[in-house]
Each structure stands twice: as C-alpha cells, then as structure tokens.
Amino acid sequence: MDSRRLIYAAGYARAMIEARSELQKLAANLQAEVNRLRAELAQVRAQFDELRSISLARQRGELEPAELHRLREIGRAKAATRDPLAPLH
C-alpha cells in the first residue's frame, strides 16, 4: 500500500473528526441562542398581553361614561312630557 495514501486517509479522518467537533460546538451555541430567543419572546408576549389588557380597560373606561350619558338622555326623553297639540317640527 502507498504510504502517502495512509497519511492522506489519516489526515482526512482527523480533519473530519475536528470538523464534527466544531459542528457540535456550533450546534450547541445555536441551540443556546434559540433558547435565549424563545425566553425573550415569551417575555415580550407577556408584556404585550399586559399592555393589551391595559388598553382594553382604558377603552372600556372611556366608553362607559358615554354609554351612561346616552342612557340618561334616553331616560330624560322618555320622562319628558310633550304637548300633543304642539307640532313636531
């Protein structure tokens, strides 16, 4: 067998082992980054849900007085007596 071929095969095998090791390190780093980003996304979603609930509560708070005023005016209109002989216009 050719000695150059054995050296090449051994060098190739060593390079493949080193490449595999490097790829495993990269994969571990990427997985850690994915986990960090997922945690950050969960935090942002929680903040968004909180802001949305605050915004909806504010909107309900703004609508409630307007609804109460509308109902008051309807009640006043129903309670008001109108002269049946007076024209509507």
PDB file of N, CA and C in Angstrom:
ATOM      1  N   MET A   1       0.835  -1.169   0.000  1.00  0.00           N
ATOM      2  CA  MET A   1       0.000   0.000   0.000  1.00  0.00           C
ATOM      3  C   MET A   1       0.888   1.243   0.000  1.00  0.00           C
ATOM      4  N   ASP A   2       0.429   2.256  -0.614  1.00  0.00           N
ATOM      5  CA  ASP A   2       1.174   3.511  -0.734  1.00  0.00           C
ATOM      6  C   ASP A   2       1.129   4.267   0.587  1.00  0.00           C
ATOM      7  N   SER A   3       2.305   4.669   1.106  1.00  0.00           N
ATOM      8  CA  SER A   3       2.369   5.351   2.402  1.00  0.00           C
ATOM      9  C   SER A   3       1.720   6.733   2.337  1.00  0.00           C
ATOM     10  N   ARG A   4       1.769   7.380   1.178  1.00  0.00           N
ATOM     11  CA  ARG A   4       1.131   8.693   1.034  1.00  0.00           C
ATOM     12  C   ARG A   4      -0.372   8.568   1.201  1.00  0.00           C
ATOM     13  N   ARG A   5      -0.921   7.473   0.717  1.00  0.00           N
ATOM     14  CA  ARG A   5      -2.365   7.256   0.819  1.00  0.00           C
ATOM     15  C   ARG A   5      -2.784   7.096   2.286  1.00  0.00           C
ATOM     16  N   LEU A   6      -2.004   6.419   3.110  1.00  0.00           N
ATOM     17  CA  LEU A   6      -2.304   6.252   4.529  1.00  0.00           C
ATOM     18  C   LEU A   6      -2.240   7.583   5.263  1.00  0.00           C
ATOM     19  N   ILE A   7      -1.256   8.380   4.924  1.00  0.00           N
ATOM     20  CA  ILE A   7      -1.135   9.699   5.548  1.00  0.00           C
ATOM     21  C   ILE A   7      -2.331  10.559   5.172  1.00  0.00           C
ATOM     22  N   TYR A   8      -2.712  10.502   3.908  1.00  0.00           N
ATOM     23  CA  TYR A   8      -3.871  11.267   3.445  1.00  0.00           C
ATOM     24  C   TYR A   8      -5.124  10.792   4.169  1.00  0.00           C
ATOM     25  N   ALA A   9      -5.324   9.489   4.255  1.00  0.00           N
ATOM     26  CA  ALA A   9      -6.501   8.934   4.912  1.00  0.00           C
ATOM     27  C   ALA A   9      -6.517   9.316   6.390  1.00  0.00           C
ATOM     28  N   ALA A  10      -5.386   9.253   7.049  1.00  0.00           N
ATOM     29  CA  ALA A  10      -5.322   9.621   8.467  1.00  0.00           C
ATOM     30  C   ALA A  10      -5.588  11.116   8.635  1.00  0.00           C
ATOM     31  N   GLY A  11      -5.015  11.921   7.762  1.00  0.00           N
ATOM     32  CA  GLY A  11      -5.243  13.370   7.817  1.00  0.00           C
ATOM     33  C   GLY A  11      -6.692  13.710   7.535  1.00  0.00           C
ATOM     34  N   TYR A  12      -7.277  12.998   6.600  1.00  0.00           N
ATOM     35  CA  TYR A  12      -8.684  13.224   6.255  1.00  0.00           C
ATOM     36  C   TYR A  12      -9.571  12.840   7.432  1.00  0.00           C
ATOM     37  N   ALA A  13      -9.279  11.711   8.040  1.00  0.00           N
ATOM     38  CA  ALA A  13     -10.071  11.264   9.185  1.00  0.00           C
ATOM     39  C   ALA A  13      -9.948  12.254  10.337  1.00  0.00           C
ATOM     40  N   ARG A  14      -8.751  12.738  10.596  1.00  0.00           N
ATOM     41  CA  ARG A  14      -8.533  13.713  11.664  1.00  0.00           C
ATOM     42  C   ARG A  14      -9.295  15.002  11.359  1.00  0.00           C
ATOM     43  N   ALA A  15      -9.256  15.436  10.118  1.00  0.00           N
ATOM     44  CA  ALA A  15      -9.977  16.653   9.723  1.00  0.00           C
ATOM     45  C   ALA A  15     -11.482  16.465   9.894  1.00  0.00           C
ATOM     46  N   MET A  16     -11.976  15.293   9.567  1.00  0.00           N
ATOM     47  CA  MET A  16     -13.410  15.020   9.719  1.00  0.00           C
ATOM     48  C   MET A  16     -13.800  15.017  11.199  1.00  0.00           C
ATOM     49  N   ILE A  17     -12.953  14.456  12.046  1.00  0.00           N
ATOM     50  CA  ILE A  17     -13.232  14.445  13.483  1.00  0.00           C
ATOM     51  C   ILE A  17     -13.236  15.863  14.026  1.00  0.00           C
ATOM     52  N   GLU A  18     -12.273  16.670  13.610  1.00  0.00           N
ATOM     53  CA  GLU A  18     -12.225  18.066  14.052  1.00  0.00           C
ATOM     54  C   GLU A  18     -13.436  18.841  13.537  1.00  0.00           C
ATOM     55  N   ALA A  19     -13.826  18.578  12.292  1.00  0.00           N
ATOM     56  CA  ALA A  19     -14.991  19.256  11.722  1.00  0.00           C
ATOM     57  C   ALA A  19     -16.254  18.872  12.486  1.00  0.00           C
ATOM     58  N   ARG A  20     -16.394  17.605  12.818  1.00  0.00           N
ATOM     59  CA  ARG A  20     -17.559  17.146  13.571  1.00  0.00           C
ATOM     60  C   ARG A  20     -17.594  17.826  14.942  1.00  0.00           C
ATOM     61  N   SER A  21     -16.445  17.917  15.574  1.00  0.00           N
ATOM     62  CA  SER A  21     -16.370  18.566  16.878  1.00  0.00           C
ATOM     63  C   SER A  21     -16.771  20.037  16.770  1.00  0.00           C
ATOM     64  N   GLU A  22     -16.284  20.696  15.754  1.00  0.00           N
ATOM     65  CA  GLU A  22     -16.626  22.112  15.541  1.00  0.00           C
ATOM     66  C   GLU A  22     -18.120  22.270  15.265  1.00  0.00           C
ATOM     67  N   LEU A  23     -18.673  21.380  14.466  1.00  0.00           N
ATOM     68  CA  LEU A  23     -20.107  21.445  14.173  1.00  0.00           C
ATOM     69  C   LEU A  23     -20.937  21.210  15.430  1.00  0.00           C
ATOM     70  N   GLN A  24     -20.513  20.325  16.287  1.00  0.00           N
ATOM     71  CA  GLN A  24     -21.225  20.087  17.537  1.00  0.00           C
ATOM     72  C   GLN A  24     -21.189  21.322  18.431  1.00  0.00           C
ATOM     73  N   LYS A  25     -20.048  22.010  18.467  1.00  0.00           N
ATOM     74  CA  LYS A  25     -19.950  23.251  19.241  1.00  0.00           C
ATOM     75  C   LYS A  25     -20.886  24.312  18.669  1.00  0.00           C
ATOM     76  N   LEU A  26     -20.884  24.427  17.337  1.00  0.00           N
ATOM     77  CA  LEU A  26     -21.774  25.397  16.695  1.00  0.00           C
ATOM     78  C   LEU A  26     -23.233  25.074  16.974  1.00  0.00           C
ATOM     79  N   ALA A  27     -23.580  23.798  16.896  1.00  0.00           N
ATOM     80  CA  ALA A  27     -24.958  23.387  17.164  1.00  0.00           C
ATOM     81  C   ALA A  27     -25.353  23.715  18.599  1.00  0.00           C
ATOM     82  N   ALA A  28     -24.457  23.478  19.541  1.00  0.00           N
ATOM     83  CA  ALA A  28     -24.737  23.795  20.948  1.00  0.00           C
ATOM     84  C   ALA A  28     -24.919  25.301  21.132  1.00  0.00           C
ATOM     85  N   ASN A  29     -24.063  26.095  20.479  1.00  0.00           N
ATOM     86  CA  ASN A  29     -24.194  27.552  20.560  1.00  0.00           C
ATOM     87  C   ASN A  29     -25.511  28.031  19.957  1.00  0.00           C
ATOM     88  N   LEU A  30     -25.866  27.457  18.816  1.00  0.00           N
ATOM     89  CA  LEU A  30     -27.121  27.844  18.173  1.00  0.00           C
ATOM     90  C   LEU A  30     -28.323  27.449  19.025  1.00  0.00           C
ATOM     91  N   GLN A  31     -28.272  26.287  19.634  1.00  0.00           N
ATOM     92  CA  GLN A  31     -29.379  25.857  20.494  1.00  0.00           C
ATOM     93  C   GLN A  31     -29.511  26.777  21.702  1.00  0.00           C
ATOM     94  N   ALA A  32     -28.399  27.187  22.264  1.00  0.00           N
ATOM     95  CA  ALA A  32     -28.429  28.130  23.388  1.00  0.00           C
ATOM     96  C   ALA A  32     -29.036  29.465  22.950  1.00  0.00           C
ATOM     97  N   GLU A  33     -28.680  29.912  21.765  1.00  0.00           N
ATOM     98  CA  GLU A  33     -29.237  31.166  21.230  1.00  0.00           C
ATOM     99  C   GLU A  33     -30.737  31.034  20.989  1.00  0.00           C
ATOM    100  N   VAL A  34     -31.163  29.910  20.441  1.00  0.00           N
ATOM    101  CA  VAL A  34     -32.600  29.671  20.224  1.00  0.00           C
ATOM    102  C   VAL A  34     -33.338  29.685  21.556  1.00  0.00           C
ATOM    103  N   ASN A  35     -32.798  29.034  22.563  1.00  0.00           N
ATOM    104  CA  ASN A  35     -33.429  29.014  23.882  1.00  0.00           C
ATOM    105  C   ASN A  35     -33.519  30.418  24.474  1.00  0.00           C
ATOM    106  N   ARG A  36     -32.451  31.205  24.304  1.00  0.00           N
ATOM    107  CA  ARG A  36     -32.464  32.579  24.804  1.00  0.00           C
ATOM    108  C   ARG A  36     -33.522  33.413  24.086  1.00  0.00           C
ATOM    109  N   LEU A  37     -33.614  33.248  22.767  1.00  0.00           N
ATOM    110  CA  LEU A  37     -34.601  33.996  21.992  1.00  0.00           C
ATOM    111  C   LEU A  37     -36.027  33.573  22.329  1.00  0.00           C
ATOM    112  N   ARG A  38     -36.228  32.299  22.585  1.00  0.00           N
ATOM    113  CA  ARG A  38     -37.573  31.841  22.973  1.00  0.00           C
ATOM    114  C   ARG A  38     -37.976  32.438  24.316  1.00  0.00           C
ATOM    115  N   ALA A  39     -37.050  32.508  25.245  1.00  0.00           N
ATOM    116  CA  ALA A  39     -37.334  33.117  26.544  1.00  0.00           C
ATOM    117  C   ALA A  39     -37.654  34.605  26.374  1.00  0.00           C
ATOM    118  N   GLU A  40     -36.887  35.268  25.527  1.00  0.00           N
ATOM    119  CA  GLU A  40     -37.128  36.694  25.274  1.00  0.00           C
ATOM    120  C   GLU A  40     -38.489  36.892  24.609  1.00  0.00           C
ATOM    121  N   LEU A  41     -38.842  36.017  23.675  1.00  0.00           N
ATOM    122  CA  LEU A  41     -40.141  36.107  23.013  1.00  0.00           C
ATOM    123  C   LEU A  41     -41.271  35.908  24.007  1.00  0.00           C
ATOM    124  N   ALA A  42     -41.129  34.969  24.910  1.00  0.00           N
ATOM    125  CA  ALA A  42     -42.153  34.748  25.932  1.00  0.00           C
ATOM    126  C   ALA A  42     -42.314  35.993  26.801  1.00  0.00           C
ATOM    127  N   GLN A  43     -41.209  36.641  27.120  1.00  0.00           N
ATOM    128  CA  GLN A  43     -41.251  37.863  27.924  1.00  0.00           C
ATOM    129  C   GLN A  43     -41.947  38.988  27.161  1.00  0.00           C
ATOM    130  N   VAL A  44     -41.639  39.126  25.880  1.00  0.00           N
ATOM    131  CA  VAL A  44     -42.264  40.178  25.067  1.00  0.00           C
ATOM    132  C   VAL A  44     -43.759  39.905  24.915  1.00  0.00           C
ATOM    133  N   ARG A  45     -44.128  38.647  24.737  1.00  0.00           N
ATOM    134  CA  ARG A  45     -45.556  38.315  24.637  1.00  0.00           C
ATOM    135  C   ARG A  45     -46.292  38.644  25.926  1.00  0.00           C
ATOM    136  N   ALA A  46     -45.674  38.377  27.059  1.00  0.00           N
ATOM    137  CA  ALA A  46     -46.298  38.702  28.344  1.00  0.00           C
ATOM    138  C   ALA A  46     -46.480  40.214  28.482  1.00  0.00           C
ATOM    139  N   GLN A  47     -45.478  40.985  28.070  1.00  0.00           N
ATOM    140  CA  GLN A  47     -45.593  42.446  28.115  1.00  0.00           C
ATOM    141  C   GLN A  47     -46.684  42.932  27.173  1.00  0.00           C
ATOM    142  N   PHE A  48     -46.772  42.317  25.988  1.00  0.00           N
ATOM    143  CA  PHE A  48     -47.811  42.695  25.032  1.00  0.00           C
ATOM    144  C   PHE A  48     -49.192  42.409  25.603  1.00  0.00           C
ATOM    145  N   ASP A  49     -49.368  41.235  26.210  1.00  0.00           N
ATOM    146  CA  ASP A  49     -50.663  40.892  26.799  1.00  0.00           C
ATOM    147  C   ASP A  49     -51.044  41.883  27.894  1.00  0.00           C
ATOM    148  N   GLU A  50     -50.070  42.280  28.696  1.00  0.00           N
ATOM    149  CA  GLU A  50     -50.332  43.248  29.753  1.00  0.00           C
ATOM    150  C   GLU A  50     -50.749  44.599  29.166  1.00  0.00           C
ATOM    151  N   LEU A  51     -50.018  45.053  28.154  1.00  0.00           N
ATOM    152  CA  LEU A  51     -50.368  46.335  27.518  1.00  0.00           C
ATOM    153  C   LEU A  51     -51.731  46.274  26.848  1.00  0.00           C
ATOM    154  N   ARG A  52     -52.036  45.135  26.227  1.00  0.00           N
ATOM    155  CA  ARG A  52     -53.337  44.993  25.570  1.00  0.00           C
ATOM    156  C   ARG A  52     -54.457  45.048  26.601  1.00  0.00           C
ATOM    157  N   SER A  53     -54.289  44.371  27.737  1.00  0.00           N
ATOM    158  CA  SER A  53     -55.332  44.400  28.758  1.00  0.00           C
ATOM    159  C   SER A  53     -55.507  45.807  29.325  1.00  0.00           C
ATOM    160  N   ILE A  54     -54.397  46.543  29.495  1.00  0.00           N
ATOM    161  CA  ILE A  54     -54.492  47.924  29.973  1.00  0.00           C
ATOM    162  C   ILE A  54     -55.221  48.787  28.952  1.00  0.00           C
ATOM    163  N   SER A  55     -54.888  48.606  27.687  1.00  0.00           N
ATOM    164  CA  SER A  55     -55.526  49.391  26.631  1.00  0.00           C
ATOM    165  C   SER A  55     -57.021  49.094  26.551  1.00  0.00           C
ATOM    166  N   LEU A  56     -57.392  47.829  26.645  1.00  0.00           N
ATOM    167  CA  LEU A  56     -58.812  47.462  26.592  1.00  0.00           C
ATOM    168  C   LEU A  56     -59.558  48.015  27.807  1.00  0.00           C
ATOM    169  N   ALA A  57     -58.930  47.984  28.964  1.00  0.00           N
ATOM    170  CA  ALA A  57     -59.572  48.537  30.164  1.00  0.00           C
ATOM    171  C   ALA A  57     -59.783  50.037  30.008  1.00  0.00           C
ATOM    172  N   ARG A  58     -58.802  50.713  29.438  1.00  0.00           N
ATOM    173  CA  ARG A  58     -58.943  52.151  29.207  1.00  0.00           C
ATOM    174  C   ARG A  58     -60.069  52.440  28.232  1.00  0.00           C
ATOM    175  N   GLN A  59     -60.153  51.644  27.155  1.00  0.00           N
ATOM    176  CA  GLN A  59     -61.212  51.845  26.179  1.00  0.00           C
ATOM    177  C   GLN A  59     -62.587  51.620  26.809  1.00  0.00           C
ATOM    178  N   ARG A  60     -62.696  50.575  27.639  1.00  0.00           N
ATOM    179  CA  ARG A  60     -63.971  50.336  28.322  1.00  0.00           C
ATOM    180  C   ARG A  60     -64.285  51.491  29.268  1.00  0.00           C
ATOM    181  N   GLY A  61     -63.270  52.007  29.914  1.00  0.00           N
ATOM    182  CA  GLY A  61     -63.454  53.139  30.811  1.00  0.00           C
ATOM    183  C   GLY A  61     -63.915  54.389  30.086  1.00  0.00           C
ATOM    184  N   GLU A  62     -63.453  54.572  28.863  1.00  0.00           N
ATOM    185  CA  GLU A  62     -63.872  55.734  28.072  1.00  0.00           C
ATOM    186  C   GLU A  62     -65.288  55.549  27.535  1.00  0.00           C
ATOM    187  N   LEU A  63     -65.652  54.328  27.215  1.00  0.00           N
ATOM    188  CA  LEU A  63     -66.978  54.079  26.665  1.00  0.00           C
ATOM    189  C   LEU A  63     -68.061  54.112  27.737  1.00  0.00           C
ATOM    190  N   GLU A  64     -67.728  53.719  28.937  1.00  0.00           N
ATOM    191  CA  GLU A  64     -68.737  53.631  29.996  1.00  0.00           C
ATOM    192  C   GLU A  64     -69.405  54.976  30.280  1.00  0.00           C
ATOM    193  N   PRO A  65     -68.682  56.067  30.479  1.00  0.00           N
ATOM    194  CA  PRO A  65     -69.366  57.353  30.714  1.00  0.00           C
ATOM    195  C   PRO A  65     -70.232  57.773  29.521  1.00  0.00           C
ATOM    196  N   ALA A  66     -69.756  57.539  28.318  1.00  0.00           N
ATOM    197  CA  ALA A  66     -70.545  57.897  27.136  1.00  0.00           C
ATOM    198  C   ALA A  66     -71.848  57.096  27.099  1.00  0.00           C
ATOM    199  N   GLU A  67     -71.765  55.825  27.452  1.00  0.00           N
ATOM    200  CA  GLU A  67     -72.969  54.990  27.483  1.00  0.00           C
ATOM    201  C   GLU A  67     -73.930  55.464  28.571  1.00  0.00           C
ATOM    202  N   LEU A  68     -73.363  55.835  29.722  1.00  0.00           N
ATOM    203  CA  LEU A  68     -74.213  56.335  30.806  1.00  0.00           C
ATOM    204  C   LEU A  68     -74.888  57.645  30.416  1.00  0.00           C
ATOM    205  N   HIS A  69     -74.179  58.532  29.745  1.00  0.00           N
ATOM    206  CA  HIS A  69     -74.782  59.791  29.278  1.00  0.00           C
ATOM    207  C   HIS A  69     -75.894  59.508  28.268  1.00  0.00           C
ATOM    208  N   ARG A  70     -75.646  58.568  27.377  1.00  0.00           N
ATOM    209  CA  ARG A  70     -76.666  58.218  26.378  1.00  0.00           C
ATOM    210  C   ARG A  70     -77.918  57.672  27.053  1.00  0.00           C
ATOM    211  N   LEU A  71     -77.740  56.782  28.005  1.00  0.00           N
ATOM    212  CA  LEU A  71     -78.896  56.222  28.712  1.00  0.00           C
ATOM    213  C   LEU A  71     -79.636  57.294  29.514  1.00  0.00           C
ATOM    214  N   ARG A  72     -78.891  58.230  30.102  1.00  0.00           N
ATOM    215  CA  ARG A  72     -79.520  59.319  30.841  1.00  0.00           C
ATOM    216  C   ARG A  72     -80.387  60.168  29.911  1.00  0.00           C
ATOM    217  N   GLU A  73     -79.848  60.466  28.731  1.00  0.00           N
ATOM    218  CA  GLU A  73     -80.616  61.271  27.773  1.00  0.00           C
ATOM    219  C   GLU A  73     -81.860  60.528  27.295  1.00  0.00           C
ATOM    220  N   ILE A  74     -81.739  59.237  27.092  1.00  0.00           N
ATOM    221  CA  ILE A  74     -82.913  58.439  26.690  1.00  0.00           C
ATOM    222  C   ILE A  74     -83.958  58.474  27.804  1.00  0.00           C
ATOM    223  N   GLY A  75     -83.502  58.310  29.046  1.00  0.00           N
ATOM    224  CA  GLY A  75     -84.430  58.367  30.182  1.00  0.00           C
ATOM    225  C   GLY A  75     -85.101  59.720  30.291  1.00  0.00           C
ATOM    226  N   ARG A  76     -84.346  60.792  30.093  1.00  0.00           N
ATOM    227  CA  ARG A  76     -84.928  62.141  30.131  1.00  0.00           C
ATOM    228  C   ARG A  76     -85.954  62.318  29.015  1.00  0.00           C
ATOM    229  N   ALA A  77     -85.611  61.808  27.841  1.00  0.00           N
ATOM    230  CA  ALA A  77     -86.534  61.949  26.711  1.00  0.00           C
ATOM    231  C   ALA A  77     -87.821  61.179  26.967  1.00  0.00           C
ATOM    232  N   LYS A  78     -87.722  60.008  27.556  1.00  0.00           N
ATOM    233  CA  LYS A  78     -88.923  59.219  27.850  1.00  0.00           C
ATOM    234  C   LYS A  78     -89.749  59.872  28.953  1.00  0.00           C
ATOM    235  N   ALA A  79     -89.080  60.493  29.905  1.00  0.00           N
ATOM    236  CA  ALA A  79     -89.779  61.106  31.024  1.00  0.00           C
ATOM    237  C   ALA A  79     -90.391  62.455  30.651  1.00  0.00           C
ATOM    238  N   ALA A  80     -89.876  63.090  29.652  1.00  0.00           N
ATOM    239  CA  ALA A  80     -90.379  64.408  29.266  1.00  0.00           C
ATOM    240  C   ALA A  80     -91.784  64.271  28.699  1.00  0.00           C
ATOM    241  N   THR A  81     -92.639  65.178  29.104  1.00  0.00           N
ATOM    242  CA  THR A  81     -93.998  65.184  28.554  1.00  0.00           C
ATOM    243  C   THR A  81     -94.016  66.177  27.417  1.00  0.00           C
ATOM    244  N   ARG A  82     -94.690  65.790  26.385  1.00  0.00           N
ATOM    245  CA  ARG A  82     -94.777  66.629  25.198  1.00  0.00           C
ATOM    246  C   ARG A  82     -96.218  67.079  25.038  1.00  0.00           C
ATOM    247  N   ASP A  83     -96.322  68.282  24.616  1.00  0.00           N
ATOM    248  CA  ASP A  83     -97.662  68.799  24.355  1.00  0.00           C
ATOM    249  C   ASP A  83     -98.162  68.144  23.081  1.00  0.00           C
ATOM    250  N   PRO A  84     -99.215  67.358  23.156  1.00  0.00           N
ATOM    251  CA  PRO A  84     -99.684  66.649  21.966  1.00  0.00           C
ATOM    252  C   PRO A  84    -100.172  67.598  20.863  1.00  0.00           C
ATOM    253  N   LEU A  85    -100.502  68.823  21.191  1.00  0.00           N
ATOM    254  CA  LEU A  85    -101.003  69.764  20.189  1.00  0.00           C
ATOM    255  C   LEU A  85     -99.843  70.504  19.510  1.00  0.00           C
ATOM    256  N   ALA A  86     -98.678  70.480  20.099  1.00  0.00           N
ATOM    257  CA  ALA A  86     -97.526  71.196  19.531  1.00  0.00           C
ATOM    258  C   ALA A  86     -96.999  70.400  18.334  1.00  0.00           C
ATOM    259  N   PRO A  87     -96.597  71.134  17.272  1.00  0.00           N
ATOM    260  CA  PRO A  87     -96.045  70.435  16.102  1.00  0.00           C
ATOM    261  C   PRO A  87     -94.697  69.810  16.438  1.00  0.00           C
ATOM    262  N   LEU A  88     -94.374  68.742  15.740  1.00  0.00           N
ATOM    263  CA  LEU A  88     -93.128  68.040  15.985  1.00  0.00           C
ATOM    264  C   LEU A  88     -91.911  68.775  15.398  1.00  0.00           C
ATOM    265  N   HIS A  89     -92.180  69.622  14.409  1.00  0.00           N
ATOM    266  CA  HIS A  89     -91.047  70.314  13.771  1.00  0.00           C
ATOM    267  C   HIS A  89     -90.997  71.747  14.186  1.00  0.00           C
TER     268      HIS A  89
END
